[in-house]
N, C-alpha and C. Protein backbone atom coordinates (compact mmCIF):
# COMPACT_ATOMS: atom_id res chain seq x y z
N MET A 1 103.30 88.89 101.99
CA MET A 1 104.06 90.14 101.81
C MET A 1 103.85 91.30 101.56
N THR A 2 104.32 92.40 102.18
CA THR A 2 103.47 93.72 102.51
C THR A 2 103.35 94.48 101.11
N ILE A 3 102.13 94.91 101.24
CA ILE A 3 101.02 95.80 100.23
C ILE A 3 102.10 96.70 99.57
N LEU A 4 103.27 97.61 100.38
CA LEU A 4 103.80 98.05 99.76
C LEU A 4 104.85 97.42 98.94
N PHE A 5 105.41 96.66 99.55
CA PHE A 5 106.55 96.02 98.67
C PHE A 5 105.75 95.23 97.44
N THR A 6 104.93 94.90 97.67
CA THR A 6 104.70 94.16 96.75
C THR A 6 103.94 95.41 95.26
N ASN A 7 103.22 96.58 96.02
CA ASN A 7 103.23 97.58 94.75
C ASN A 7 104.10 98.11 93.89
N LEU A 8 105.39 98.41 95.03
CA LEU A 8 106.60 98.75 94.53
C LEU A 8 107.00 97.30 93.37
N ARG A 9 107.38 96.45 93.67
CA ARG A 9 107.87 95.58 93.08
C ARG A 9 107.20 95.37 91.50
N LEU A 10 105.63 95.55 91.90
CA LEU A 10 104.63 95.66 90.48
C LEU A 10 105.14 96.68 89.48
N VAL A 11 105.33 97.51 90.06
CA VAL A 11 105.67 98.73 89.20
C VAL A 11 106.97 98.67 88.37
N ALA A 12 108.03 98.36 89.44
CA ALA A 12 109.69 98.43 89.23
C ALA A 12 109.29 97.05 87.92
N TYR A 13 108.73 96.06 87.85
CA TYR A 13 108.94 95.29 87.01
C TYR A 13 107.73 95.58 86.01
N ILE A 14 106.92 96.13 85.66
CA ILE A 14 106.02 96.32 85.03
C ILE A 14 106.62 97.30 84.27
N SER A 15 107.52 98.47 84.84
CA SER A 15 108.10 99.55 84.16
C SER A 15 109.44 98.73 83.36
N VAL A 16 110.31 97.89 83.99
CA VAL A 16 111.38 96.90 82.88
C VAL A 16 111.05 96.44 81.88
N PHE A 17 110.21 96.08 81.77
CA PHE A 17 108.84 95.09 81.03
C PHE A 17 108.82 95.81 79.47
N CYS A 18 108.08 96.80 80.18
CA CYS A 18 107.63 97.78 78.54
C CYS A 18 109.01 98.87 78.34
N LEU A 19 110.10 99.01 78.87
CA LEU A 19 111.63 99.67 78.22
C LEU A 19 112.34 98.26 77.77
N SER A 20 112.01 97.47 78.32
CA SER A 20 112.83 96.25 77.26
C SER A 20 111.85 95.92 75.59
N GLY A 21 110.60 96.04 76.12
CA GLY A 21 109.71 95.38 75.02
C GLY A 21 109.97 96.48 73.71
N THR A 22 110.29 98.02 74.17
CA THR A 22 110.53 99.22 73.59
C THR A 22 112.32 99.21 73.21
N VAL A 23 113.13 98.52 73.60
CA VAL A 23 114.49 97.96 73.06
C VAL A 23 114.41 97.15 71.92
N LEU A 24 113.63 96.15 72.20
CA LEU A 24 112.95 95.08 71.58
C LEU A 24 112.53 95.61 70.32
N GLY A 25 111.48 95.78 70.15
CA GLY A 25 111.03 96.39 69.10
C GLY A 25 112.00 97.61 68.16
N LEU A 26 112.97 98.22 68.62
CA LEU A 26 113.68 99.41 68.05
C LEU A 26 114.84 98.04 66.86
N ALA A 27 115.06 97.37 67.88
CA ALA A 27 116.56 96.02 67.98
C ALA A 27 115.58 95.25 66.78
N ALA A 28 114.43 95.03 66.63
CA ALA A 28 113.67 94.03 65.56
C ALA A 28 113.64 95.30 63.95
N HIS A 29 113.52 96.38 64.21
CA HIS A 29 113.72 97.23 63.19
C HIS A 29 115.04 97.28 62.84
N PHE A 30 115.93 97.35 63.12
CA PHE A 30 117.02 97.41 62.66
C PHE A 30 117.47 95.88 62.09
N ALA A 31 117.42 94.96 62.59
CA ALA A 31 117.60 93.61 62.21
C ALA A 31 116.91 93.44 60.74
N ASN A 32 115.62 94.16 60.87
CA ASN A 32 115.11 93.71 59.54
C ASN A 32 115.60 94.79 58.36
N LEU A 33 116.03 95.84 58.83
CA LEU A 33 117.10 96.80 57.75
C LEU A 33 118.15 96.46 57.64
N PHE A 34 118.89 95.88 58.61
CA PHE A 34 120.53 95.57 58.13
C PHE A 34 120.86 94.12 57.96
N LEU A 35 119.94 93.15 59.17
CA LEU A 35 120.74 91.69 58.71
C LEU A 35 120.89 91.22 57.71
N PRO A 36 121.60 90.36 57.03
CA PRO A 36 122.74 90.09 58.17
C PRO A 36 123.80 90.29 57.18
N THR A 37 123.92 91.73 56.72
CA THR A 37 125.05 91.89 56.47
C THR A 37 126.04 93.10 56.90
N ILE A 38 124.95 94.37 57.51
CA ILE A 38 125.53 95.40 58.23
C ILE A 38 125.21 95.54 59.42
N ASN A 39 126.27 95.55 60.40
CA ASN A 39 126.27 95.93 61.63
C ASN A 39 125.47 94.76 62.12
N HIS A 40 125.89 93.97 61.80
CA HIS A 40 125.23 92.59 62.48
C HIS A 40 125.51 92.20 64.02
N ASP A 41 126.74 92.01 64.33
CA ASP A 41 126.87 92.25 65.89
C ASP A 41 126.10 92.57 66.71
N PHE A 42 125.96 93.90 66.60
CA PHE A 42 125.23 94.66 67.77
C PHE A 42 124.15 94.62 67.40
N THR A 43 123.12 94.49 66.05
CA THR A 43 121.59 94.15 65.71
C THR A 43 121.66 92.73 66.49
N ILE A 44 122.32 91.87 66.85
CA ILE A 44 122.06 90.60 67.15
C ILE A 44 121.94 90.77 68.85
N PHE A 45 122.81 91.49 69.29
CA PHE A 45 123.18 91.42 70.84
C PHE A 45 121.66 92.04 71.13
N SER A 46 121.41 93.57 70.68
CA SER A 46 120.33 93.97 70.86
C SER A 46 118.94 93.47 71.09
N LEU A 47 119.41 92.30 70.28
CA LEU A 47 117.99 91.44 70.44
C LEU A 47 117.55 90.84 71.45
N VAL A 48 119.23 90.01 72.00
CA VAL A 48 119.10 89.28 72.80
C VAL A 48 119.05 89.79 74.30
N VAL A 49 119.59 90.78 74.27
CA VAL A 49 119.53 91.33 75.64
C VAL A 49 117.80 91.46 76.26
N PRO A 50 117.22 92.48 75.62
CA PRO A 50 115.99 92.69 76.26
C PRO A 50 114.81 91.34 76.13
N SER A 51 115.10 90.69 75.06
CA SER A 51 114.68 89.02 74.72
C SER A 51 114.51 88.49 76.08
N ALA A 52 116.24 88.44 76.30
CA ALA A 52 116.49 87.37 77.77
C ALA A 52 115.96 88.31 78.90
N THR A 53 115.75 89.55 79.14
CA THR A 53 114.83 90.08 80.23
C THR A 53 113.68 89.76 80.35
N ILE A 54 112.98 89.49 79.08
CA ILE A 54 111.55 89.78 79.10
C ILE A 54 111.35 88.22 79.64
N PHE A 55 111.74 87.30 79.08
CA PHE A 55 111.98 85.65 79.37
C PHE A 55 112.32 85.50 80.66
N LEU A 56 113.00 86.12 81.28
CA LEU A 56 113.50 85.40 82.75
C LEU A 56 112.19 86.57 83.43
N PHE A 57 111.89 87.26 83.32
CA PHE A 57 111.09 88.35 83.99
C PHE A 57 110.11 87.17 84.34
N ILE A 58 109.27 86.48 83.55
CA ILE A 58 108.10 85.13 83.28
C ILE A 58 108.53 84.45 84.08
N LEU A 59 109.97 84.14 84.25
CA LEU A 59 110.69 82.81 84.97
C LEU A 59 110.40 83.08 86.42
N LEU A 60 110.76 84.49 86.99
CA LEU A 60 110.94 84.84 87.97
C LEU A 60 109.15 84.90 88.67
N ILE A 61 107.99 85.14 87.83
CA ILE A 61 106.98 84.58 88.51
C ILE A 61 106.83 83.63 89.37
N GLN A 62 107.45 82.35 88.95
CA GLN A 62 107.29 81.32 89.44
C GLN A 62 108.13 80.92 90.03
N PHE A 63 109.58 81.06 90.07
CA PHE A 63 110.49 81.22 90.76
C PHE A 63 111.24 82.17 91.37
N ALA A 64 110.31 83.37 92.30
CA ALA A 64 110.27 84.35 92.77
C ALA A 64 111.05 83.86 94.45
N GLN A 65 112.44 83.64 94.09
CA GLN A 65 112.99 83.57 95.49
C GLN A 65 114.10 84.61 95.53
N PRO A 66 114.95 85.05 96.28
CA PRO A 66 115.62 86.29 96.47
C PRO A 66 117.26 85.49 95.95
N ILE A 67 117.30 84.49 96.42
CA ILE A 67 118.51 84.15 95.66
C ILE A 67 118.66 83.94 94.05
N VAL A 68 117.06 83.42 93.56
CA VAL A 68 117.46 83.61 92.11
C VAL A 68 117.29 84.94 91.57
N GLU A 69 116.51 85.84 92.06
CA GLU A 69 116.72 87.10 91.68
C GLU A 69 117.66 88.17 91.78
N VAL A 70 118.33 87.64 92.77
CA VAL A 70 119.26 88.38 92.85
C VAL A 70 120.72 88.29 91.68
N THR A 71 120.44 86.96 91.55
CA THR A 71 121.12 86.23 90.28
C THR A 71 121.05 86.83 88.73
N ALA A 72 119.40 87.07 88.89
CA ALA A 72 119.01 87.29 87.36
C ALA A 72 119.40 88.81 87.43
N HIS A 73 118.80 89.49 88.24
CA HIS A 73 119.35 90.98 88.41
C HIS A 73 121.20 91.30 87.97
N PHE A 74 121.33 90.67 88.60
CA PHE A 74 123.04 90.77 88.29
C PHE A 74 123.35 90.05 87.00
N ILE A 75 122.94 89.12 86.25
CA ILE A 75 123.46 88.79 85.10
C ILE A 75 122.59 89.92 83.84
N LEU A 76 121.46 90.20 84.05
CA LEU A 76 120.30 91.07 83.39
C LEU A 76 121.67 92.69 83.42
N GLY A 77 121.90 92.96 84.50
CA GLY A 77 122.64 94.03 84.78
C GLY A 77 123.43 94.70 83.76
N VAL A 78 124.48 93.44 83.84
CA VAL A 78 126.11 93.22 82.76
C VAL A 78 125.33 93.24 81.53
N LEU A 79 124.60 92.26 80.89
CA LEU A 79 124.31 92.73 79.47
C LEU A 79 123.62 94.19 79.52
N TRP A 80 122.76 94.66 80.21
CA TRP A 80 122.71 96.13 79.89
C TRP A 80 123.57 97.42 79.65
N LEU A 81 124.34 96.93 80.84
CA LEU A 81 125.18 97.82 81.13
C LEU A 81 126.19 97.34 79.37
N ALA A 82 126.18 96.42 79.09
CA ALA A 82 127.00 95.99 77.86
C ALA A 82 126.44 96.44 76.64
N LEU A 83 124.91 96.81 76.66
CA LEU A 83 124.52 96.89 75.42
C LEU A 83 124.48 98.78 75.88
N GLY A 84 124.13 99.18 77.06
CA GLY A 84 124.26 100.79 76.69
C GLY A 84 125.72 100.80 76.56
N ALA A 85 127.27 100.81 76.95
CA ALA A 85 128.35 101.32 76.54
C ALA A 85 128.48 100.77 74.45
N TRP A 86 128.20 99.70 74.15
CA TRP A 86 128.24 99.53 73.13
C TRP A 86 127.59 100.54 72.05
N SER A 87 126.51 100.92 72.51
CA SER A 87 125.08 101.45 71.26
C SER A 87 126.18 103.13 71.87
N ALA A 88 126.22 103.46 72.71
CA ALA A 88 128.00 104.65 72.75
C ALA A 88 128.76 104.50 72.02
N ASP A 89 129.33 103.77 71.98
CA ASP A 89 130.73 103.81 71.19
C ASP A 89 130.14 103.70 69.64
N ILE A 90 128.75 103.41 68.95
CA ILE A 90 128.41 103.59 67.96
C ILE A 90 127.97 104.84 67.61
N ILE A 91 127.63 105.24 68.48
CA ILE A 91 126.90 106.65 68.13
C ILE A 91 127.26 107.95 68.55
N GLY A 92 128.50 107.30 69.83
CA GLY A 92 129.18 108.33 70.43
C GLY A 92 128.48 109.37 70.76
N TYR A 93 129.07 110.49 70.24
CA TYR A 93 128.64 111.90 70.49
C TYR A 93 128.03 112.76 69.32
N VAL A 94 127.70 111.75 68.52
CA VAL A 94 127.26 112.68 67.40
C VAL A 94 125.66 113.50 67.60
N GLN A 95 125.46 114.34 66.83
CA GLN A 95 124.37 114.93 66.68
C GLN A 95 123.55 115.18 65.62
N CYS A 96 122.47 114.37 66.30
CA CYS A 96 121.67 113.95 65.53
C CYS A 96 120.77 115.03 64.45
N ASP A 97 120.68 115.53 65.37
CA ASP A 97 119.90 117.35 64.38
C ASP A 97 120.69 117.82 63.24
N VAL A 98 121.96 117.80 63.05
CA VAL A 98 122.94 118.50 62.13
C VAL A 98 122.98 117.15 60.74
N LEU A 99 122.05 116.10 61.21
CA LEU A 99 122.33 114.85 59.79
C LEU A 99 121.08 115.10 58.99
N GLY A 100 120.02 115.74 59.05
CA GLY A 100 119.11 115.81 58.14
C GLY A 100 119.43 115.75 56.74
N GLY A 101 118.61 115.16 55.93
CA GLY A 101 119.11 115.09 54.44
C GLY A 101 120.36 113.95 54.06
N LEU A 102 120.65 113.23 55.15
CA LEU A 102 121.74 112.13 55.16
C LEU A 102 121.13 110.85 54.57
N LYS A 103 121.63 110.20 54.54
CA LYS A 103 121.26 108.58 53.93
C LYS A 103 122.46 107.13 55.03
N THR A 104 121.72 106.26 55.24
CA THR A 104 122.48 105.08 55.98
C THR A 104 122.24 104.24 55.28
N PRO A 105 123.11 103.63 54.63
CA PRO A 105 122.98 102.27 53.92
C PRO A 105 122.44 101.38 54.52
N THR A 106 121.19 100.55 54.22
CA THR A 106 120.46 99.46 54.64
C THR A 106 120.68 98.32 53.77
N ASN A 107 120.01 97.00 53.79
CA ASN A 107 120.25 95.62 53.12
C ASN A 107 118.99 96.56 51.48
N ASN A 108 118.28 96.83 51.80
CA ASN A 108 117.31 97.35 50.61
C ASN A 108 117.15 98.40 50.19
N GLY A 109 118.46 99.67 50.52
CA GLY A 109 118.50 100.79 49.96
C GLY A 109 119.40 101.49 51.11
N THR A 110 118.85 102.45 51.24
CA THR A 110 118.90 103.60 52.33
C THR A 110 117.91 103.93 53.37
N MET A 111 118.27 105.02 54.63
CA MET A 111 117.35 105.01 55.89
C MET A 111 118.01 106.49 55.74
N SER A 112 116.64 107.26 56.33
CA SER A 112 117.30 108.61 56.99
C SER A 112 118.63 108.38 57.91
N ALA A 113 119.76 108.96 58.08
CA ALA A 113 120.87 108.84 58.85
C ALA A 113 120.51 109.86 60.14
N GLN A 114 119.53 111.06 60.21
CA GLN A 114 119.08 111.22 61.32
C GLN A 114 117.87 110.16 62.09
N THR A 115 116.89 109.58 61.21
CA THR A 115 116.34 108.48 62.13
C THR A 115 117.18 107.65 62.86
N TYR A 116 117.82 107.04 62.12
CA TYR A 116 118.87 105.95 62.56
C TYR A 116 119.47 106.58 63.82
N CYS A 117 120.03 107.95 63.66
CA CYS A 117 120.64 108.38 65.02
C CYS A 117 119.91 108.48 66.17
N TYR A 118 118.50 108.52 65.90
CA TYR A 118 117.57 109.11 66.96
C TYR A 118 117.56 107.73 67.67
N GLU A 119 117.25 106.58 66.77
CA GLU A 119 116.49 105.51 67.59
C GLU A 119 117.99 104.33 68.20
N MET A 120 119.11 104.90 68.04
CA MET A 120 120.42 104.48 68.14
C MET A 120 120.31 105.42 69.66
N LYS A 121 119.88 106.45 69.77
CA LYS A 121 119.89 107.43 70.55
C LYS A 121 119.08 106.94 72.32
N VAL A 122 117.65 106.24 71.78
CA VAL A 122 117.21 105.97 72.40
C VAL A 122 117.32 104.24 72.92
N ILE A 123 118.11 103.88 72.46
CA ILE A 123 118.55 102.59 72.69
C ILE A 123 119.46 102.53 73.77
N GLU A 124 120.52 103.63 73.51
CA GLU A 124 121.58 103.79 74.33
C GLU A 124 120.70 104.49 75.86
N ALA A 125 119.75 105.15 76.08
CA ALA A 125 119.49 106.06 76.41
C ALA A 125 118.54 104.97 77.21
N LEU A 126 117.66 103.91 76.99
CA LEU A 126 117.07 103.30 77.59
C LEU A 126 117.94 102.10 78.14
N SER A 127 118.81 101.83 77.87
CA SER A 127 119.79 100.14 78.11
C SER A 127 120.31 101.45 79.73
N TRP A 128 120.87 102.20 79.38
CA TRP A 128 121.73 102.55 80.64
C TRP A 128 120.40 102.54 81.87
N CYS A 129 119.44 103.36 81.32
CA CYS A 129 118.35 103.34 82.29
C CYS A 129 117.82 101.89 83.17
N ILE A 130 117.96 101.38 82.33
CA ILE A 130 117.38 99.37 82.62
C ILE A 130 118.69 99.14 83.45
N PHE A 131 119.80 99.39 83.18
CA PHE A 131 120.97 99.17 83.78
C PHE A 131 120.67 99.70 85.43
N VAL A 132 120.94 101.04 85.68
CA VAL A 132 120.22 101.88 86.94
C VAL A 132 119.53 101.08 88.01
N MET A 133 118.45 101.08 87.21
CA MET A 133 117.01 100.23 87.20
C MET A 133 117.49 98.43 88.22
N PHE A 134 118.28 97.98 87.74
CA PHE A 134 118.57 96.49 87.94
C PHE A 134 119.66 96.50 88.91
N ALA A 135 120.59 97.82 89.19
CA ALA A 135 121.54 97.82 89.98
C ALA A 135 120.34 98.36 91.69
N PHE A 136 119.71 99.01 91.09
CA PHE A 136 118.79 99.49 92.15
C PHE A 136 118.05 98.18 93.15
N PHE A 137 117.50 97.32 91.86
CA PHE A 137 116.55 96.36 92.71
C PHE A 137 118.35 95.28 93.06
N PHE A 138 119.18 94.72 92.13
CA PHE A 138 119.65 94.29 93.43
C PHE A 138 120.35 94.85 94.71
N VAL A 139 120.83 95.71 94.70
CA VAL A 139 121.16 96.37 96.22
C VAL A 139 119.67 96.41 97.34
N ILE A 140 118.44 96.42 96.72
CA ILE A 140 117.47 96.20 97.68
C ILE A 140 116.75 94.76 98.19
N VAL A 141 117.28 94.24 96.89
CA VAL A 141 116.80 92.67 97.58
C VAL A 141 117.45 91.83 98.52
N ILE A 142 119.08 92.24 98.18
CA ILE A 142 120.07 91.74 99.13
C ILE A 142 119.84 92.53 100.45
N ALA A 143 119.42 93.43 100.56
CA ALA A 143 119.10 94.43 101.69
C ALA A 143 117.92 94.06 102.29
N LEU A 144 116.53 94.19 101.76
CA LEU A 144 115.64 93.28 102.31
C LEU A 144 115.90 92.01 102.83
N THR A 145 116.65 90.78 102.41
CA THR A 145 116.59 89.81 102.71
C THR A 145 117.58 89.46 103.38
N THR A 146 118.31 90.42 103.76
CA THR A 146 119.51 90.51 104.83
C THR A 146 119.18 90.96 105.90
N ARG A 147 118.34 91.74 105.89
CA ARG A 147 117.50 92.75 107.25
C ARG A 147 115.94 91.14 107.53
N ALA A 148 115.64 90.28 107.19
CA ALA A 148 114.97 89.22 107.10
C ALA A 148 115.42 88.54 108.04
N VAL A 149 116.80 88.21 107.80
CA VAL A 149 117.83 86.73 108.37
C VAL A 149 118.32 87.31 109.74
N VAL A 150 118.53 88.71 109.94
CA VAL A 150 118.85 89.40 110.94
C VAL A 150 117.40 89.19 112.10
N LEU A 151 116.44 89.40 111.47
CA LEU A 151 115.19 89.83 112.07
C LEU A 151 114.23 88.35 112.35
N GLY A 152 115.44 86.84 112.02
CA GLY A 152 114.87 85.93 112.32
C GLY A 152 114.09 84.64 111.16
N ARG A 153 114.20 85.01 110.21
CA ARG A 153 113.92 84.44 109.16
C ARG A 153 115.20 83.78 107.87
N VAL A 154 115.72 82.54 109.43
CA VAL A 154 117.32 82.57 108.76
C VAL A 154 116.70 81.86 107.05
N TYR A 155 116.18 81.26 106.60
CA TYR A 155 115.91 80.59 105.57
C TYR A 155 115.55 81.55 104.39
N ALA A 156 115.77 82.99 104.71
CA ALA A 156 115.05 84.00 103.55
C ALA A 156 115.39 84.16 102.38
N TRP A 157 116.58 83.15 102.23
CA TRP A 157 117.15 83.68 101.09
C TRP A 157 116.45 82.56 99.85
N ARG A 158 115.79 81.76 100.61
CA ARG A 158 115.54 80.58 99.69
C ARG A 158 113.87 80.43 100.08
N GLU A 159 113.47 81.03 100.55
CA GLU A 159 111.56 81.42 100.38
C GLU A 159 111.07 82.36 99.54
N HIS A 160 109.67 81.86 99.14
CA HIS A 160 109.62 82.94 97.86
C HIS A 160 109.30 84.65 98.67
N ILE A 161 109.98 85.23 97.52
CA ILE A 161 110.34 86.53 97.72
C ILE A 161 109.10 87.34 98.54
N SER A 162 107.79 86.86 98.27
CA SER A 162 106.57 87.29 98.89
C SER A 162 106.72 87.66 100.20
N GLN A 163 107.75 86.95 101.19
CA GLN A 163 108.06 87.26 102.47
C GLN A 163 108.45 88.19 102.86
N LEU A 164 109.45 88.50 101.97
CA LEU A 164 110.24 89.68 102.43
C LEU A 164 109.27 90.98 102.61
N GLY A 165 109.97 91.79 103.78
CA GLY A 165 109.00 93.37 104.08
C GLY A 165 109.94 94.59 103.53
N TRP A 166 109.25 95.49 103.25
CA TRP A 166 109.43 96.90 103.46
C TRP A 166 110.30 96.85 104.25
N PHE A 167 111.07 98.02 104.08
CA PHE A 167 111.92 98.48 105.01
C PHE A 167 111.08 99.55 106.24
N GLY A 168 111.14 98.96 107.38
CA GLY A 168 110.46 99.72 108.24
C GLY A 168 109.63 98.75 109.04
N GLU A 169 108.93 97.20 107.88
CA GLU A 169 107.96 96.50 108.23
C GLU A 169 108.63 95.09 108.80
N TRP A 170 107.81 94.24 109.17
CA TRP A 170 108.06 92.99 109.68
C TRP A 170 108.21 92.18 108.43
N PRO A 171 109.27 90.95 108.19
CA PRO A 171 109.01 90.45 107.20
C PRO A 171 107.66 89.15 107.27
N ALA A 172 107.04 89.31 106.17
CA ALA A 172 106.20 87.99 105.98
C ALA A 172 104.81 88.62 106.65
N TYR A 173 104.61 89.75 107.16
CA TYR A 173 103.71 90.58 107.66
C TYR A 173 102.83 91.02 106.61
N PRO A 174 101.46 91.06 106.09
CA PRO A 174 100.57 90.15 107.03
C PRO A 174 100.12 89.03 106.93
N THR A 175 101.13 88.36 105.60
CA THR A 175 101.38 86.76 104.69
C THR A 175 101.68 85.64 105.97
N PRO A 176 101.50 84.79 106.19
CA PRO A 176 101.99 83.29 107.63
C PRO A 176 103.01 83.25 106.88
N TYR A 177 103.95 82.46 107.36
CA TYR A 177 105.30 81.92 106.95
C TYR A 177 104.98 80.60 106.05
N ALA A 178 105.68 80.70 104.96
CA ALA A 178 105.67 79.93 103.86
C ALA A 178 105.76 78.69 104.18
N HIS A 179 107.19 78.00 104.96
CA HIS A 179 106.84 76.90 105.20
C HIS A 179 106.86 76.63 106.96
N GLY A 180 105.98 77.60 107.94
CA GLY A 180 105.46 77.12 108.86
C GLY A 180 107.08 78.08 110.13
N PRO A 181 106.67 78.23 111.09
CA PRO A 181 107.58 78.49 112.08
C PRO A 181 108.90 77.82 111.97
N TYR A 182 109.83 78.48 111.95
CA TYR A 182 110.95 77.59 112.07
C TYR A 182 111.49 77.16 113.16
N PRO A 183 112.26 75.93 113.31
CA PRO A 183 112.49 75.38 114.44
C PRO A 183 113.53 75.98 115.29
N HIS A 184 113.55 75.28 117.10
CA HIS A 184 114.28 76.00 117.40
C HIS A 184 115.32 75.35 117.93
N PRO A 185 116.50 75.26 117.35
CA PRO A 185 117.50 74.36 117.73
C PRO A 185 117.72 74.31 118.87
N TYR A 186 117.22 75.30 120.26
CA TYR A 186 117.90 75.10 121.82
C TYR A 186 116.58 75.21 122.47
N GLY A 187 116.38 74.20 123.24
CA GLY A 187 114.88 74.70 124.10
C GLY A 187 113.66 74.51 123.92
N ILE A 188 112.76 75.12 124.35
CA ILE A 188 111.28 75.25 123.43
C ILE A 188 110.88 76.13 123.35
N PRO A 189 110.21 76.69 122.26
CA PRO A 189 109.84 78.21 122.47
C PRO A 189 108.35 78.74 123.53
N GLN A 190 108.26 79.78 123.59
CA GLN A 190 107.40 79.90 124.40
C GLN A 190 106.93 81.21 123.92
N GLN A 191 105.39 81.39 124.04
CA GLN A 191 105.09 82.89 124.45
C GLN A 191 105.44 83.88 125.30
N MET A 192 106.13 85.24 124.76
CA MET A 192 106.41 86.49 125.74
C MET A 192 104.69 86.86 126.61
N VAL A 193 104.34 86.57 127.78
CA VAL A 193 103.13 87.10 128.21
C VAL A 193 103.68 88.40 128.97
N GLY A 194 103.03 89.55 128.37
CA GLY A 194 102.96 90.96 128.50
C GLY A 194 104.23 91.48 128.68
N ASN A 195 105.34 91.65 129.44
CA ASN A 195 106.63 92.26 129.12
C ASN A 195 107.59 91.14 130.15
N TYR A 196 107.11 90.25 130.61
CA TYR A 196 108.10 89.77 131.57
C TYR A 196 108.02 88.12 130.95
N VAL A 197 109.18 87.61 131.24
CA VAL A 197 109.41 86.37 131.36
C VAL A 197 110.17 86.15 132.15
N GLN A 198 110.01 84.52 132.71
CA GLN A 198 110.82 84.34 133.82
C GLN A 198 112.35 83.62 133.27
N GLN A 199 113.35 83.69 133.44
CA GLN A 199 114.80 83.41 132.97
C GLN A 199 115.24 81.95 133.55
N ALA A 200 115.19 81.09 133.05
CA ALA A 200 115.83 79.88 134.00
C ALA A 200 117.19 79.76 134.21
N PRO A 201 117.79 79.24 135.30
CA PRO A 201 118.51 79.07 135.91
C PRO A 201 119.75 78.79 134.89
N GLY A 202 121.05 79.18 134.43
CA GLY A 202 122.10 78.67 133.65
C GLY A 202 121.49 78.78 131.68
N HIS A 203 120.50 79.66 131.93
CA HIS A 203 120.20 79.91 129.96
C HIS A 203 120.20 81.48 129.88
N SER A 204 120.06 81.50 128.39
CA SER A 204 120.08 82.96 128.09
C SER A 204 118.30 82.93 127.56
N ILE A 205 118.09 84.29 126.93
CA ILE A 205 117.09 84.50 126.02
C ILE A 205 117.09 84.73 124.81
N VAL A 206 116.34 84.15 124.28
CA VAL A 206 116.62 84.35 122.89
C VAL A 206 114.97 84.91 122.06
N ILE A 207 115.06 86.11 122.02
CA ILE A 207 113.62 86.32 121.26
C ILE A 207 113.26 86.87 119.59
N GLN A 208 112.10 86.37 119.23
CA GLN A 208 111.98 86.69 117.77
C GLN A 208 111.05 86.80 117.47
N PRO A 209 110.90 87.67 116.53
CA PRO A 209 109.30 88.08 115.87
C PRO A 209 108.28 87.07 116.19
N GLY A 210 107.10 87.19 116.34
CA GLY A 210 106.17 86.64 116.39
C GLY A 210 105.78 86.20 115.05
N VAL A 211 104.39 85.26 114.77
CA VAL A 211 103.69 84.94 113.15
C VAL A 211 102.80 86.12 113.41
N HIS A 212 102.66 86.36 112.52
CA HIS A 212 101.61 87.28 111.77
C HIS A 212 101.34 88.61 112.93
N GLY A 213 102.44 88.60 113.09
CA GLY A 213 102.71 90.43 114.13
C GLY A 213 102.43 90.22 115.56
N GLY A 214 101.93 88.80 115.87
CA GLY A 214 101.74 88.85 117.30
C GLY A 214 102.56 88.49 118.44
N PRO A 215 102.55 88.19 119.27
CA PRO A 215 103.57 88.44 120.39
C PRO A 215 104.97 87.30 120.32
N ALA A 216 106.18 87.85 120.39
CA ALA A 216 107.28 87.55 120.26
C ALA A 216 107.62 86.14 121.07
N MET A 217 108.25 85.39 119.95
CA MET A 217 108.42 83.88 120.44
C MET A 217 109.77 84.15 121.10
N VAL A 218 109.95 83.73 122.55
CA VAL A 218 110.59 83.56 123.49
C VAL A 218 111.55 82.12 123.58
N THR A 219 112.73 81.86 123.48
CA THR A 219 113.46 80.56 123.57
C THR A 219 114.49 80.66 124.40
N GLN A 220 114.53 79.72 125.34
CA GLN A 220 115.87 79.41 126.60
C GLN A 220 116.63 78.54 126.02
N VAL A 221 118.05 79.49 126.16
CA VAL A 221 118.92 78.68 125.01
C VAL A 221 119.83 78.34 126.41
N PRO A 222 120.19 77.23 126.43
CA PRO A 222 121.51 77.01 127.67
C PRO A 222 122.97 78.01 127.33
N ALA A 223 123.13 78.69 128.47
CA ALA A 223 124.46 79.62 128.49
C ALA A 223 125.87 78.86 128.43
């Protein structure tokens, strides 16, 4: 994995992890105040989404393949989109600053309507923010993996995601191939010497990136 991609992925995942933890904390506060009688559907859903995000992120540490991450990003993105839309439907265009002195009923009495409004606004804002982040994750992983396939890593979708390179960098550099060099379907791979390769009669030349940023691998394929 390139150092740049490593750092960007780490920062992005830590950001989502922290934001999800914030939403989970607010949802747990609502659960303590409202469950099981008041607004139970939204409260349960607001607990499930950040919990699922944190749990899946822990799993992705072990099963970090592009195909797995793209699937997880899509599912989680849809869940956060739903949570953001549901929050907006509940709180709508309410102006929290005009609710001073008003109360909202809870299981054990009441709470400040202004505080409830502010906390719902935070859940709504963070839900939209996390949804946008997952949309970016989804597009970027697809773009980097497709690029790696085009550059010769035909099994990039099922390799460890650490083998992907950032834009403008070779896949897998500076780390070695996860499963060794790919087999060549035709001919015998050759290493390019200088800038010249002698082409055999009746063959075409296929050039693939070299390992560790080394010389390119050249394969003679029957025309």
